[in-house]
Amino acid sequence: MHRKYEPDFNQLLKVLRCEKPDRPVLFEYFTNGPLNEYLAGRKNADPDNLAETIAITIEAFTNAGYDYVTIPSRFYSGMKFTLAAHEQKSTVSQNDGVMITDRASFESYPWPDPEKGDFDTFYRFAPLLHKQMKFITPGPGGVLENVIDLVGFERLCYMLFEDEQLVQDIFDAVGSRLLRFYEILSCLETIGALIVNDDWGFKTQTMLDPDSMHRYLFPWHKKIVEAIHLNGKPAILHSCGNLETVMDFLIDELKYDAKHSWEDSICPVEKGWQQWGDRIAILGGIDMDFLVRSTPEAIRNRSIEMLKLTGSKGYALGSGNSIPAFVPVENYLAMISAI
């Protein structure tokens, strides 16, 4: 592939400031291995070789037209919340893998150390970046996601009534470690922005009631965003679900710079940009179901219309969530060809 524009992270920064970039900008949370090989124009001879995988990822993002490269936390961080063994499926219950059920199991849980990680990864591979590119990285799951993984969704709902102090302690144990993770990463010069990835909602509402979100969850997000901003980096929220009741809060109080993850059945990205695009950057949004089922022509046309609607002011083109392997390559290419 041959990109149309030279990489320039400053163009994405303009989008994240709700400004109009000098030309259209792409954004993607992550892409899949086979697609990266296609975009890089070469096979990954050894997928278990981290250096080779990162090199191909960099080549893929560069060739496709991005101004940055996403490096997943699993490539460098030892920060992982241990879960009990459970079935490995594409879709699993939110009650699988539970490790914490009471005070005793909370006290005995092997909490991860956010200081442990190969953070030099972002310097070792920086020479492979175009001179105007930066890295972006997400966390090892979010505060609410990890709490639900550790406790189980149903058990957490009971615990909110049975033992409020234990709920607070679990959120604090997870939140404090993720805060330290983002403090470390946001200090690194080769990282241009941070993704805080934490799914907050279902199709119709937030996963917890608003009072519980404000009491247990949002204080940690506020601290994380403040830490990222303290180091001069933008904070991008990647969160699935219906967040309409908390959008004003995440913009005005949590002060996220951008919102990613959009779904037509919840809030089409066109509507999201028209409603909030003057206050927070809107990223991606070409619906996943639409991206998988539609023709390349329809996908390209919608992408072009989205760029016309926004003029790219505070908007970067991309999928509603990410590009897993089940997204047809020709459909993905149709989307990014709109720029």
C-alpha atoms as a PDB file:
ATOM      1  CA  MET A   1       0.000   0.000   0.000  1.00  0.00           C
ATOM      2  CA  HIS A   2       1.013   3.601  -0.525  1.00  0.00           C
ATOM      3  CA  ARG A   3      -0.379   6.226   1.802  1.00  0.00           C
ATOM      4  CA  LYS A   4      -1.631   9.522   0.446  1.00  0.00           C
ATOM      5  CA  TYR A   5      -0.181  11.771   3.174  1.00  0.00           C
ATOM      6  CA  GLU A   6       3.069  11.889   5.086  1.00  0.00           C
ATOM      7  CA  PRO A   7       2.659  10.857   8.727  1.00  0.00           C
ATOM      8  CA  ASP A   8       2.222  13.771  11.121  1.00  0.00           C
ATOM      9  CA  PHE A   9       1.075  13.176  14.683  1.00  0.00           C
ATOM     10  CA  ASN A  10       0.281  16.882  14.971  1.00  0.00           C
ATOM     11  CA  GLN A  11      -2.713  16.297  12.686  1.00  0.00           C
ATOM     12  CA  LEU A  12      -4.197  13.812  15.150  1.00  0.00           C
ATOM     13  CA  LEU A  13      -3.425  16.231  17.980  1.00  0.00           C
ATOM     14  CA  LYS A  14      -5.500  18.877  16.209  1.00  0.00           C
ATOM     15  CA  VAL A  15      -8.404  16.437  16.064  1.00  0.00           C
ATOM     16  CA  LEU A  16      -8.001  15.630  19.764  1.00  0.00           C
ATOM     17  CA  ARG A  17      -8.202  19.361  20.511  1.00  0.00           C
ATOM     18  CA  CYS A  18     -11.480  19.538  18.549  1.00  0.00           C
ATOM     19  CA  GLU A  19      -9.703  21.538  15.872  1.00  0.00           C
ATOM     20  CA  LYS A  20      -9.702  21.074  12.106  1.00  0.00           C
ATOM     21  CA  PRO A  21      -6.593  19.231  10.869  1.00  0.00           C
ATOM     22  CA  ASP A  22      -4.857  20.176   7.632  1.00  0.00           C
ATOM     23  CA  ARG A  23      -6.185  16.985   6.018  1.00  0.00           C
ATOM     24  CA  PRO A  24      -8.345  13.971   6.991  1.00  0.00           C
ATOM     25  CA  VAL A  25      -7.072  11.789   9.833  1.00  0.00           C
ATOM     26  CA  LEU A  26      -7.481   8.077  10.552  1.00  0.00           C
ATOM     27  CA  PHE A  27      -7.909   6.458  13.956  1.00  0.00           C
ATOM     28  CA  GLU A  28      -8.140   2.809  14.950  1.00  0.00           C
ATOM     29  CA  TYR A  29      -8.037   1.187  18.392  1.00  0.00           C
ATOM     30  CA  PHE A  30      -6.315  -1.914  17.071  1.00  0.00           C
ATOM     31  CA  THR A  31      -5.962  -4.026  13.937  1.00  0.00           C
ATOM     32  CA  ASN A  32      -5.448  -7.775  13.577  1.00  0.00           C
ATOM     33  CA  GLY A  33      -2.315  -9.733  12.713  1.00  0.00           C
ATOM     34  CA  PRO A  34      -3.242 -10.950   9.196  1.00  0.00           C
ATOM     35  CA  LEU A  35      -4.399  -7.449   8.234  1.00  0.00           C
ATOM     36  CA  ASN A  36      -1.125  -6.004   9.520  1.00  0.00           C
ATOM     37  CA  GLU A  37       0.777  -8.479   7.355  1.00  0.00           C
ATOM     38  CA  TYR A  38      -1.296  -7.435   4.336  1.00  0.00           C
ATOM     39  CA  LEU A  39      -0.742  -3.729   5.011  1.00  0.00           C
ATOM     40  CA  ALA A  40       2.971  -4.252   5.649  1.00  0.00           C
ATOM     41  CA  GLY A  41       3.309  -6.261   2.469  1.00  0.00           C
ATOM     42  CA  ARG A  42       5.080  -9.173   4.121  1.00  0.00           C
ATOM     43  CA  LYS A  43       4.400 -12.222   6.258  1.00  0.00           C
ATOM     44  CA  ASN A  44       5.252 -12.444   9.921  1.00  0.00           C
ATOM     45  CA  ALA A  45       7.726 -15.316   9.812  1.00  0.00           C
ATOM     46  CA  ASP A  46       7.627 -15.755  13.582  1.00  0.00           C
ATOM     47  CA  PRO A  47       4.458 -14.467  15.319  1.00  0.00           C
ATOM     48  CA  ASP A  48       5.985 -15.398  18.676  1.00  0.00           C
ATOM     49  CA  ASN A  49       8.871 -13.004  18.017  1.00  0.00           C
ATOM     50  CA  LEU A  50       7.782  -9.772  19.680  1.00  0.00           C
ATOM     51  CA  ALA A  51      10.273  -7.628  17.776  1.00  0.00           C
ATOM     52  CA  GLU A  52       9.039  -8.912  14.425  1.00  0.00           C
ATOM     53  CA  THR A  53       5.386  -8.456  15.405  1.00  0.00           C
ATOM     54  CA  ILE A  54       5.953  -4.869  16.529  1.00  0.00           C
ATOM     55  CA  ALA A  55       7.966  -4.078  13.393  1.00  0.00           C
ATOM     56  CA  ILE A  56       5.168  -5.354  11.148  1.00  0.00           C
ATOM     57  CA  THR A  57       2.578  -3.432  13.173  1.00  0.00           C
ATOM     58  CA  ILE A  58       4.572  -0.231  12.665  1.00  0.00           C
ATOM     59  CA  GLU A  59       4.893  -0.868   8.925  1.00  0.00           C
ATOM     60  CA  ALA A  60       1.172  -1.626   8.655  1.00  0.00           C
ATOM     61  CA  PHE A  61       0.022   1.552  10.411  1.00  0.00           C
ATOM     62  CA  THR A  62       2.489   3.624   8.414  1.00  0.00           C
ATOM     63  CA  ASN A  63       1.441   2.200   5.049  1.00  0.00           C
ATOM     64  CA  ALA A  64      -2.281   2.455   5.819  1.00  0.00           C
ATOM     65  CA  GLY A  65      -2.114   6.171   6.533  1.00  0.00           C
ATOM     66  CA  TYR A  66      -2.096   6.534  10.323  1.00  0.00           C
ATOM     67  CA  ASP A  67      -0.098   9.199  12.130  1.00  0.00           C
ATOM     68  CA  TYR A  68       0.682   6.920  15.058  1.00  0.00           C
ATOM     69  CA  VAL A  69       1.067   3.229  15.926  1.00  0.00           C
ATOM     70  CA  THR A  70      -0.935   1.431  18.606  1.00  0.00           C
ATOM     71  CA  ILE A  71       1.139  -0.873  20.787  1.00  0.00           C
ATOM     72  CA  PRO A  72      -1.048  -3.153  22.979  1.00  0.00           C
ATOM     73  CA  SER A  73      -0.101  -3.355  26.649  1.00  0.00           C
ATOM     74  CA  ARG A  74       0.484  -7.114  26.393  1.00  0.00           C
ATOM     75  CA  PHE A  75       3.547  -6.378  24.231  1.00  0.00           C
ATOM     76  CA  TYR A  76       5.454  -4.715  27.046  1.00  0.00           C
ATOM     77  CA  SER A  77       3.631  -4.714  30.382  1.00  0.00           C
ATOM     78  CA  GLY A  78       3.621  -7.224  33.212  1.00  0.00           C
ATOM     79  CA  MET A  79       0.492  -5.494  34.480  1.00  0.00           C
ATOM     80  CA  LYS A  80      -2.158  -8.197  34.266  1.00  0.00           C
ATOM     81  CA  PHE A  81      -4.911  -9.054  36.713  1.00  0.00           C
ATOM     82  CA  THR A  82      -4.854 -12.818  37.222  1.00  0.00           C
ATOM     83  CA  LEU A  83      -8.166 -14.610  36.708  1.00  0.00           C
ATOM     84  CA  ALA A  84      -9.288 -18.154  37.468  1.00  0.00           C
ATOM     85  CA  ALA A  85      -9.207 -20.618  34.589  1.00  0.00           C
ATOM     86  CA  HIS A  86     -12.278 -20.439  32.367  1.00  0.00           C
ATOM     87  CA  GLU A  87     -13.363 -21.361  28.869  1.00  0.00           C
ATOM     88  CA  GLN A  88     -11.552 -19.532  26.094  1.00  0.00           C
ATOM     89  CA  LYS A  89     -14.280 -18.411  23.714  1.00  0.00           C
ATOM     90  CA  SER A  90     -14.960 -15.322  21.634  1.00  0.00           C
ATOM     91  CA  THR A  91     -17.865 -14.584  23.989  1.00  0.00           C
ATOM     92  CA  VAL A  92     -17.837 -15.558  27.666  1.00  0.00           C
ATOM     93  CA  SER A  93     -19.983 -14.886  30.716  1.00  0.00           C
ATOM     94  CA  GLN A  94     -19.155 -11.849  32.854  1.00  0.00           C
ATOM     95  CA  ASN A  95     -19.135 -14.238  35.791  1.00  0.00           C
ATOM     96  CA  ASP A  96     -16.296 -16.462  34.502  1.00  0.00           C
ATOM     97  CA  GLY A  97     -12.804 -16.290  35.966  1.00  0.00           C
ATOM     98  CA  VAL A  98     -13.907 -14.864  39.323  1.00  0.00           C
ATOM     99  CA  MET A  99     -11.130 -14.553  41.912  1.00  0.00           C
ATOM    100  CA  ILE A 100     -12.626 -12.323  44.626  1.00  0.00           C
ATOM    101  CA  THR A 101     -15.834 -13.261  46.438  1.00  0.00           C
ATOM    102  CA  ASP A 102     -15.259 -11.947  49.964  1.00  0.00           C
ATOM    103  CA  ARG A 103     -12.802 -10.100  52.215  1.00  0.00           C
ATOM    104  CA  ALA A 104     -10.518 -13.124  52.614  1.00  0.00           C
ATOM    105  CA  SER A 105     -10.123 -13.704  48.871  1.00  0.00           C
ATOM    106  CA  PHE A 106      -9.551  -9.969  48.396  1.00  0.00           C
ATOM    107  CA  GLU A 107      -6.749  -9.979  50.957  1.00  0.00           C
ATOM    108  CA  SER A 108      -5.081 -13.052  49.439  1.00  0.00           C
ATOM    109  CA  TYR A 109      -5.345 -11.963  45.801  1.00  0.00           C
ATOM    110  CA  PRO A 110      -1.946 -11.653  44.001  1.00  0.00           C
ATOM    111  CA  TRP A 111      -2.170  -8.017  42.917  1.00  0.00           C
ATOM    112  CA  PRO A 112      -0.008  -7.095  39.893  1.00  0.00           C
ATOM    113  CA  ASP A 113       2.810  -4.568  40.106  1.00  0.00           C
ATOM    114  CA  PRO A 114       2.425  -1.708  37.597  1.00  0.00           C
ATOM    115  CA  GLU A 115       6.148  -0.980  37.887  1.00  0.00           C
ATOM    116  CA  LYS A 116       6.997  -4.302  36.256  1.00  0.00           C
ATOM    117  CA  GLY A 117       7.163  -4.022  32.517  1.00  0.00           C
ATOM    118  CA  ASP A 118       9.514  -3.543  29.607  1.00  0.00           C
ATOM    119  CA  PHE A 119       8.729   0.138  29.116  1.00  0.00           C
ATOM    120  CA  ASP A 120      11.948   0.573  27.167  1.00  0.00           C
ATOM    121  CA  THR A 121      10.008  -1.037  24.299  1.00  0.00           C
ATOM    122  CA  PHE A 122       8.816   2.443  23.328  1.00  0.00           C
ATOM    123  CA  TYR A 123      12.393   3.633  22.898  1.00  0.00           C
ATOM    124  CA  ARG A 124      13.862   0.512  21.287  1.00  0.00           C
ATOM    125  CA  PHE A 125      11.310   0.556  18.477  1.00  0.00           C
ATOM    126  CA  ALA A 126      11.043   4.329  18.068  1.00  0.00           C
ATOM    127  CA  PRO A 127      13.723   4.338  15.326  1.00  0.00           C
ATOM    128  CA  LEU A 128      11.289   2.338  13.154  1.00  0.00           C
ATOM    129  CA  LEU A 129       8.724   5.131  13.308  1.00  0.00           C
ATOM    130  CA  HIS A 130       8.483   7.839  10.692  1.00  0.00           C
ATOM    131  CA  LYS A 131      10.022  10.955  12.247  1.00  0.00           C
ATOM    132  CA  GLN A 132       6.611  12.620  12.707  1.00  0.00           C
ATOM    133  CA  MET A 133       4.854   9.579  14.190  1.00  0.00           C
ATOM    134  CA  LYS A 134       4.220   8.662  17.823  1.00  0.00           C
ATOM    135  CA  PHE A 135       3.100   5.602  19.722  1.00  0.00           C
ATOM    136  CA  ILE A 136      -0.307   5.309  21.371  1.00  0.00           C
ATOM    137  CA  THR A 137      -1.053   2.616  23.917  1.00  0.00           C
ATOM    138  CA  PRO A 138      -4.111   1.403  25.832  1.00  0.00           C
ATOM    139  CA  GLY A 139      -4.141  -0.083  29.317  1.00  0.00           C
ATOM    140  CA  PRO A 140      -4.482  -3.707  30.417  1.00  0.00           C
ATOM    141  CA  GLY A 141      -8.254  -3.338  30.646  1.00  0.00           C
ATOM    142  CA  GLY A 142     -10.033  -0.617  32.578  1.00  0.00           C
ATOM    143  CA  VAL A 143     -11.055  -0.033  36.182  1.00  0.00           C
ATOM    144  CA  LEU A 144     -14.628  -1.310  35.814  1.00  0.00           C
ATOM    145  CA  GLU A 145     -13.666  -4.075  33.388  1.00  0.00           C
ATOM    146  CA  ASN A 146     -11.055  -5.499  35.736  1.00  0.00           C
ATOM    147  CA  VAL A 147     -13.302  -5.234  38.790  1.00  0.00           C
ATOM    148  CA  ILE A 148     -16.037  -7.155  36.953  1.00  0.00           C
ATOM    149  CA  ASP A 149     -13.496  -9.734  35.773  1.00  0.00           C
ATOM    150  CA  LEU A 150     -12.251 -10.245  39.323  1.00  0.00           C
ATOM    151  CA  VAL A 151     -15.629 -10.275  41.096  1.00  0.00           C
ATOM    152  CA  GLY A 152     -18.160 -11.264  38.434  1.00  0.00           C
ATOM    153  CA  PHE A 153     -20.944  -8.966  37.338  1.00  0.00           C
ATOM    154  CA  GLU A 154     -23.751 -10.630  39.295  1.00  0.00           C
ATOM    155  CA  ARG A 155     -21.629 -10.922  42.437  1.00  0.00           C
ATOM    156  CA  LEU A 156     -20.632  -7.256  42.142  1.00  0.00           C
ATOM    157  CA  CYS A 157     -24.301  -6.254  41.990  1.00  0.00           C
ATOM    158  CA  TYR A 158     -25.000  -8.175  45.210  1.00  0.00           C
ATOM    159  CA  MET A 159     -21.854  -6.846  46.831  1.00  0.00           C
ATOM    160  CA  LEU A 160     -22.964  -3.245  46.209  1.00  0.00           C
ATOM    161  CA  PHE A 161     -25.733  -3.898  48.751  1.00  0.00           C
ATOM    162  CA  GLU A 162     -24.028  -6.410  51.042  1.00  0.00           C
ATOM    163  CA  ASP A 163     -20.551  -4.934  51.566  1.00  0.00           C
ATOM    164  CA  GLU A 164     -20.003  -1.393  50.289  1.00  0.00           C
ATOM    165  CA  GLN A 165     -16.598  -1.132  51.947  1.00  0.00           C
ATOM    166  CA  LEU A 166     -15.314  -4.226  50.175  1.00  0.00           C
ATOM    167  CA  VAL A 167     -16.557  -2.821  46.853  1.00  0.00           C
ATOM    168  CA  GLN A 168     -14.697   0.417  47.583  1.00  0.00           C
ATOM    169  CA  ASP A 169     -11.529  -1.465  48.495  1.00  0.00           C
ATOM    170  CA  ILE A 170     -11.634  -3.533  45.297  1.00  0.00           C
ATOM    171  CA  PHE A 171     -12.135  -0.455  43.106  1.00  0.00           C
ATOM    172  CA  ASP A 172      -9.311   1.290  44.953  1.00  0.00           C
ATOM    173  CA  ALA A 173      -6.957  -1.686  44.553  1.00  0.00           C
ATOM    174  CA  VAL A 174      -7.596  -1.838  40.801  1.00  0.00           C
ATOM    175  CA  GLY A 175      -7.788   1.915  40.237  1.00  0.00           C
ATOM    176  CA  SER A 176      -4.589   2.766  42.090  1.00  0.00           C
ATOM    177  CA  ARG A 177      -2.602   0.279  40.033  1.00  0.00           C
ATOM    178  CA  LEU A 178      -4.007   1.489  36.735  1.00  0.00           C
ATOM    179  CA  LEU A 179      -3.314   5.067  37.811  1.00  0.00           C
ATOM    180  CA  ARG A 180       0.334   4.206  38.383  1.00  0.00           C
ATOM    181  CA  PHE A 181       0.433   2.404  35.010  1.00  0.00           C
ATOM    182  CA  TYR A 182      -0.728   5.561  33.216  1.00  0.00           C
ATOM    183  CA  GLU A 183       1.623   7.756  35.238  1.00  0.00           C
ATOM    184  CA  ILE A 184       4.552   5.690  33.985  1.00  0.00           C
ATOM    185  CA  LEU A 185       3.439   5.505  30.352  1.00  0.00           C
ATOM    186  CA  SER A 186       2.457   9.154  30.001  1.00  0.00           C
ATOM    187  CA  CYS A 187       6.007  10.192  30.943  1.00  0.00           C
ATOM    188  CA  LEU A 188       7.542   8.488  27.907  1.00  0.00           C
ATOM    189  CA  GLU A 189       8.485  10.907  25.129  1.00  0.00           C
ATOM    190  CA  THR A 190       7.736   8.532  22.258  1.00  0.00           C
ATOM    191  CA  ILE A 191       4.127   8.067  23.388  1.00  0.00           C
ATOM    192  CA  GLY A 192       1.863  10.780  22.015  1.00  0.00           C
ATOM    193  CA  ALA A 193      -1.481   9.882  23.613  1.00  0.00           C
ATOM    194  CA  LEU A 194      -3.001   7.286  25.929  1.00  0.00           C
ATOM    195  CA  ILE A 195      -6.145   5.212  25.492  1.00  0.00           C
ATOM    196  CA  VAL A 196      -8.095   4.492  28.667  1.00  0.00           C
ATOM    197  CA  ASN A 197     -10.082   1.413  27.664  1.00  0.00           C
ATOM    198  CA  ASP A 198     -12.964   0.631  30.008  1.00  0.00           C
ATOM    199  CA  ASP A 199     -16.396  -0.564  28.854  1.00  0.00           C
ATOM    200  CA  TRP A 200     -19.057   1.183  30.919  1.00  0.00           C
ATOM    201  CA  GLY A 201     -22.361   0.249  29.360  1.00  0.00           C
ATOM    202  CA  PHE A 202     -24.864  -2.119  27.856  1.00  0.00           C
ATOM    203  CA  LYS A 203     -26.989  -1.312  24.825  1.00  0.00           C
ATOM    204  CA  THR A 204     -29.551   0.654  26.840  1.00  0.00           C
ATOM    205  CA  GLN A 205     -27.734   1.977  29.932  1.00  0.00           C
ATOM    206  CA  THR A 206     -24.564   2.050  31.995  1.00  0.00           C
ATOM    207  CA  MET A 207     -23.465  -1.232  33.593  1.00  0.00           C
ATOM    208  CA  LEU A 208     -23.856   0.157  37.105  1.00  0.00           C
ATOM    209  CA  ASP A 209     -26.354   2.697  38.332  1.00  0.00           C
ATOM    210  CA  PRO A 210     -25.182   6.329  38.015  1.00  0.00           C
ATOM    211  CA  ASP A 211     -24.675   6.747  41.768  1.00  0.00           C
ATOM    212  CA  SER A 212     -22.326   3.748  41.910  1.00  0.00           C
ATOM    213  CA  MET A 213     -20.446   4.959  38.820  1.00  0.00           C
ATOM    214  CA  HIS A 214     -19.894   8.332  40.484  1.00  0.00           C
ATOM    215  CA  ARG A 215     -18.955   6.825  43.840  1.00  0.00           C
ATOM    216  CA  TYR A 216     -16.607   3.992  42.882  1.00  0.00           C
ATOM    217  CA  LEU A 217     -15.502   4.393  39.275  1.00  0.00           C
ATOM    218  CA  PHE A 218     -15.299   8.011  38.179  1.00  0.00           C
ATOM    219  CA  PRO A 219     -12.900   9.233  40.905  1.00  0.00           C
ATOM    220  CA  TRP A 220     -10.246   6.882  39.507  1.00  0.00           C
ATOM    221  CA  HIS A 221     -10.882   7.950  35.931  1.00  0.00           C
ATOM    222  CA  LYS A 222     -10.545  11.572  36.983  1.00  0.00           C
ATOM    223  CA  LYS A 223      -7.166  10.821  38.573  1.00  0.00           C
ATOM    224  CA  ILE A 224      -6.003   8.874  35.519  1.00  0.00           C
ATOM    225  CA  VAL A 225      -6.947  11.679  33.114  1.00  0.00           C
ATOM    226  CA  GLU A 226      -5.273  14.245  35.383  1.00  0.00           C
ATOM    227  CA  ALA A 227      -2.070  12.169  35.439  1.00  0.00           C
ATOM    228  CA  ILE A 228      -2.046  11.885  31.633  1.00  0.00           C
ATOM    229  CA  HIS A 229      -2.705  15.607  31.215  1.00  0.00           C
ATOM    230  CA  LEU A 230      -0.016  16.463  33.766  1.00  0.00           C
ATOM    231  CA  ASN A 231       2.494  14.966  31.341  1.00  0.00           C
ATOM    232  CA  GLY A 232       1.066  16.911  28.403  1.00  0.00           C
ATOM    233  CA  LYS A 233      -0.667  13.994  26.693  1.00  0.00           C
ATOM    234  CA  PRO A 234      -4.281  13.638  25.492  1.00  0.00           C
ATOM    235  CA  ALA A 235      -6.521  11.031  27.136  1.00  0.00           C
ATOM    236  CA  ILE A 236      -8.776   9.000  24.821  1.00  0.00           C
ATOM    237  CA  LEU A 237     -11.684   7.085  26.347  1.00  0.00           C
ATOM    238  CA  HIS A 238     -12.510   3.830  24.583  1.00  0.00           C
ATOM    239  CA  SER A 239     -15.775   2.668  26.127  1.00  0.00           C
ATOM    240  CA  CYS A 240     -18.566   0.555  24.687  1.00  0.00           C
ATOM    241  CA  GLY A 241     -22.200   0.787  25.615  1.00  0.00           C
ATOM    242  CA  ASN A 242     -24.839   3.465  26.109  1.00  0.00           C
ATOM    243  CA  LEU A 243     -23.136   6.337  27.928  1.00  0.00           C
ATOM    244  CA  GLU A 244     -25.641   9.076  27.150  1.00  0.00           C
ATOM    245  CA  THR A 245     -26.480   9.696  30.824  1.00  0.00           C
ATOM    246  CA  VAL A 246     -22.821  10.259  31.708  1.00  0.00           C
ATOM    247  CA  MET A 247     -21.480  11.943  28.551  1.00  0.00           C
ATOM    248  CA  ASP A 248     -21.674  15.443  29.997  1.00  0.00           C
ATOM    249  CA  PHE A 249     -19.791  14.264  33.091  1.00  0.00           C
ATOM    250  CA  LEU A 250     -17.009  12.520  31.164  1.00  0.00           C
ATOM    251  CA  ILE A 251     -16.579  15.686  29.086  1.00  0.00           C
ATOM    252  CA  ASP A 252     -16.946  18.425  31.703  1.00  0.00           C
ATOM    253  CA  GLU A 253     -15.706  16.730  34.882  1.00  0.00           C
ATOM    254  CA  LEU A 254     -13.461  13.843  33.834  1.00  0.00           C
ATOM    255  CA  LYS A 255     -12.159  16.005  30.974  1.00  0.00           C
ATOM    256  CA  TYR A 256     -11.488  13.284  28.441  1.00  0.00           C
ATOM    257  CA  ASP A 257     -10.148  14.650  25.166  1.00  0.00           C
ATOM    258  CA  ALA A 258     -11.822  12.092  22.905  1.00  0.00           C
ATOM    259  CA  LYS A 259     -14.496   9.420  22.905  1.00  0.00           C
ATOM    260  CA  HIS A 260     -14.103   6.210  20.923  1.00  0.00           C
ATOM    261  CA  SER A 261     -16.442   3.254  20.326  1.00  0.00           C
ATOM    262  CA  TRP A 262     -19.734   3.997  18.618  1.00  0.00           C
ATOM    263  CA  GLU A 263     -22.568   1.692  17.612  1.00  0.00           C
ATOM    264  CA  ASP A 264     -25.469   2.514  15.309  1.00  0.00           C
ATOM    265  CA  SER A 265     -27.996   0.709  17.508  1.00  0.00           C
ATOM    266  CA  ILE A 266     -26.987   2.898  20.469  1.00  0.00           C
ATOM    267  CA  CYS A 267     -25.897   6.224  18.985  1.00  0.00           C
ATOM    268  CA  PRO A 268     -24.718   6.551  15.381  1.00  0.00           C
ATOM    269  CA  VAL A 269     -21.461   8.443  15.174  1.00  0.00           C
ATOM    270  CA  GLU A 270     -23.061  11.102  12.978  1.00  0.00           C
ATOM    271  CA  LYS A 271     -25.460  11.914  15.827  1.00  0.00           C
ATOM    272  CA  GLY A 272     -22.660  11.720  18.398  1.00  0.00           C
ATOM    273  CA  TRP A 273     -20.525  14.241  16.534  1.00  0.00           C
ATOM    274  CA  GLN A 274     -23.465  16.624  16.058  1.00  0.00           C
ATOM    275  CA  GLN A 275     -24.379  16.415  19.751  1.00  0.00           C
ATOM    276  CA  TRP A 276     -20.956  16.466  21.421  1.00  0.00           C
ATOM    277  CA  GLY A 277     -18.356  17.141  18.721  1.00  0.00           C
ATOM    278  CA  ASP A 278     -17.807  20.747  19.738  1.00  0.00           C
ATOM    279  CA  ARG A 279     -16.806  19.638  23.262  1.00  0.00           C
ATOM    280  CA  ILE A 280     -14.937  16.360  22.788  1.00  0.00           C
ATOM    281  CA  ALA A 281     -13.194  14.749  19.818  1.00  0.00           C
ATOM    282  CA  ILE A 282     -15.159  11.952  18.190  1.00  0.00           C
ATOM    283  CA  LEU A 283     -13.100   9.038  16.878  1.00  0.00           C
ATOM    284  CA  GLY A 284     -14.046   6.255  14.488  1.00  0.00           C
ATOM    285  CA  GLY A 285     -17.692   5.268  14.461  1.00  0.00           C
ATOM    286  CA  ILE A 286     -18.188   3.359  11.198  1.00  0.00           C
ATOM    287  CA  ASP A 287     -20.406   0.735  12.805  1.00  0.00           C
ATOM    288  CA  MET A 288     -18.955  -2.766  13.130  1.00  0.00           C
ATOM    289  CA  ASP A 289     -22.036  -4.578  11.845  1.00  0.00           C
ATOM    290  CA  PHE A 290     -22.218  -2.136   8.932  1.00  0.00           C
ATOM    291  CA  LEU A 291     -18.495  -2.593   8.289  1.00  0.00           C
ATOM    292  CA  VAL A 292     -18.828  -6.380   8.154  1.00  0.00           C
ATOM    293  CA  ARG A 293     -22.100  -6.762   6.250  1.00  0.00           C
ATOM    294  CA  SER A 294     -22.120  -3.845   3.809  1.00  0.00           C
ATOM    295  CA  THR A 295     -20.560  -3.586   0.369  1.00  0.00           C
ATOM    296  CA  PRO A 296     -17.243  -1.784  -0.053  1.00  0.00           C
ATOM    297  CA  GLU A 297     -19.053   0.894  -2.053  1.00  0.00           C
ATOM    298  CA  ALA A 298     -21.561   1.568   0.742  1.00  0.00           C
ATOM    299  CA  ILE A 299     -18.766   1.684   3.328  1.00  0.00           C
ATOM    300  CA  ARG A 300     -16.690   4.090   1.278  1.00  0.00           C
ATOM    301  CA  ASN A 301     -19.709   6.321   0.649  1.00  0.00           C
ATOM    302  CA  ARG A 302     -20.628   6.492   4.347  1.00  0.00           C
ATOM    303  CA  SER A 303     -17.015   7.247   5.247  1.00  0.00           C
ATOM    304  CA  ILE A 304     -16.867  10.054   2.682  1.00  0.00           C
ATOM    305  CA  GLU A 305     -20.150  11.492   3.948  1.00  0.00           C
ATOM    306  CA  MET A 306     -18.858  11.398   7.520  1.00  0.00           C
ATOM    307  CA  LEU A 307     -15.786  13.370   6.496  1.00  0.00           C
ATOM    308  CA  LYS A 308     -17.992  15.855   4.640  1.00  0.00           C
ATOM    309  CA  LEU A 309     -20.312  16.234   7.653  1.00  0.00           C
ATOM    310  CA  THR A 310     -17.497  16.919  10.087  1.00  0.00           C
ATOM    311  CA  GLY A 311     -14.959  18.544   7.800  1.00  0.00           C
ATOM    312  CA  SER A 312     -12.612  16.448   9.991  1.00  0.00           C
ATOM    313  CA  LYS A 313     -13.030  19.071  12.746  1.00  0.00           C
ATOM    314  CA  GLY A 314     -12.627  17.112  15.945  1.00  0.00           C
ATOM    315  CA  TYR A 315     -13.127  13.886  14.007  1.00  0.00           C
ATOM    316  CA  ALA A 316     -10.894  11.039  12.846  1.00  0.00           C
ATOM    317  CA  LEU A 317     -12.211   8.312  10.550  1.00  0.00           C
ATOM    318  CA  GLY A 318     -12.226   4.698  11.657  1.00  0.00           C
ATOM    319  CA  SER A 319     -14.335   1.760  12.777  1.00  0.00           C
ATOM    320  CA  GLY A 320     -16.867   1.852  15.577  1.00  0.00           C
ATOM    321  CA  ASN A 321     -14.616  -0.355  17.689  1.00  0.00           C
ATOM    322  CA  SER A 322     -11.597  -2.069  16.081  1.00  0.00           C
ATOM    323  CA  ILE A 323     -10.590  -4.292  13.163  1.00  0.00           C
ATOM    324  CA  PRO A 324     -10.715  -7.943  14.278  1.00  0.00           C
ATOM    325  CA  ALA A 325     -10.043 -10.729  11.799  1.00  0.00           C
ATOM    326  CA  PHE A 326     -13.694 -11.162  10.819  1.00  0.00           C
ATOM    327  CA  VAL A 327     -13.811  -7.743   9.146  1.00  0.00           C
ATOM    328  CA  PRO A 328     -13.306  -8.323   5.394  1.00  0.00           C
ATOM    329  CA  VAL A 329     -10.073  -6.739   4.198  1.00  0.00           C
ATOM    330  CA  GLU A 330     -11.786  -5.154   1.195  1.00  0.00           C
ATOM    331  CA  ASN A 331     -14.312  -3.485   3.520  1.00  0.00           C
ATOM    332  CA  TYR A 332     -11.605  -2.081   5.759  1.00  0.00           C
ATOM    333  CA  LEU A 333      -9.738  -0.773   2.709  1.00  0.00           C
ATOM    334  CA  ALA A 334     -12.930   0.828   1.399  1.00  0.00           C
ATOM    335  CA  MET A 335     -13.286   2.729   4.677  1.00  0.00           C
ATOM    336  CA  ILE A 336      -9.762   4.111   4.826  1.00  0.00           C
ATOM    337  CA  SER A 337      -9.775   4.897   1.108  1.00  0.00           C
ATOM    338  CA  ALA A 338     -12.238   7.709   1.867  1.00  0.00           C
ATOM    339  CA  ILE A 339      -9.372   9.954   2.918  1.00  0.00           C
END
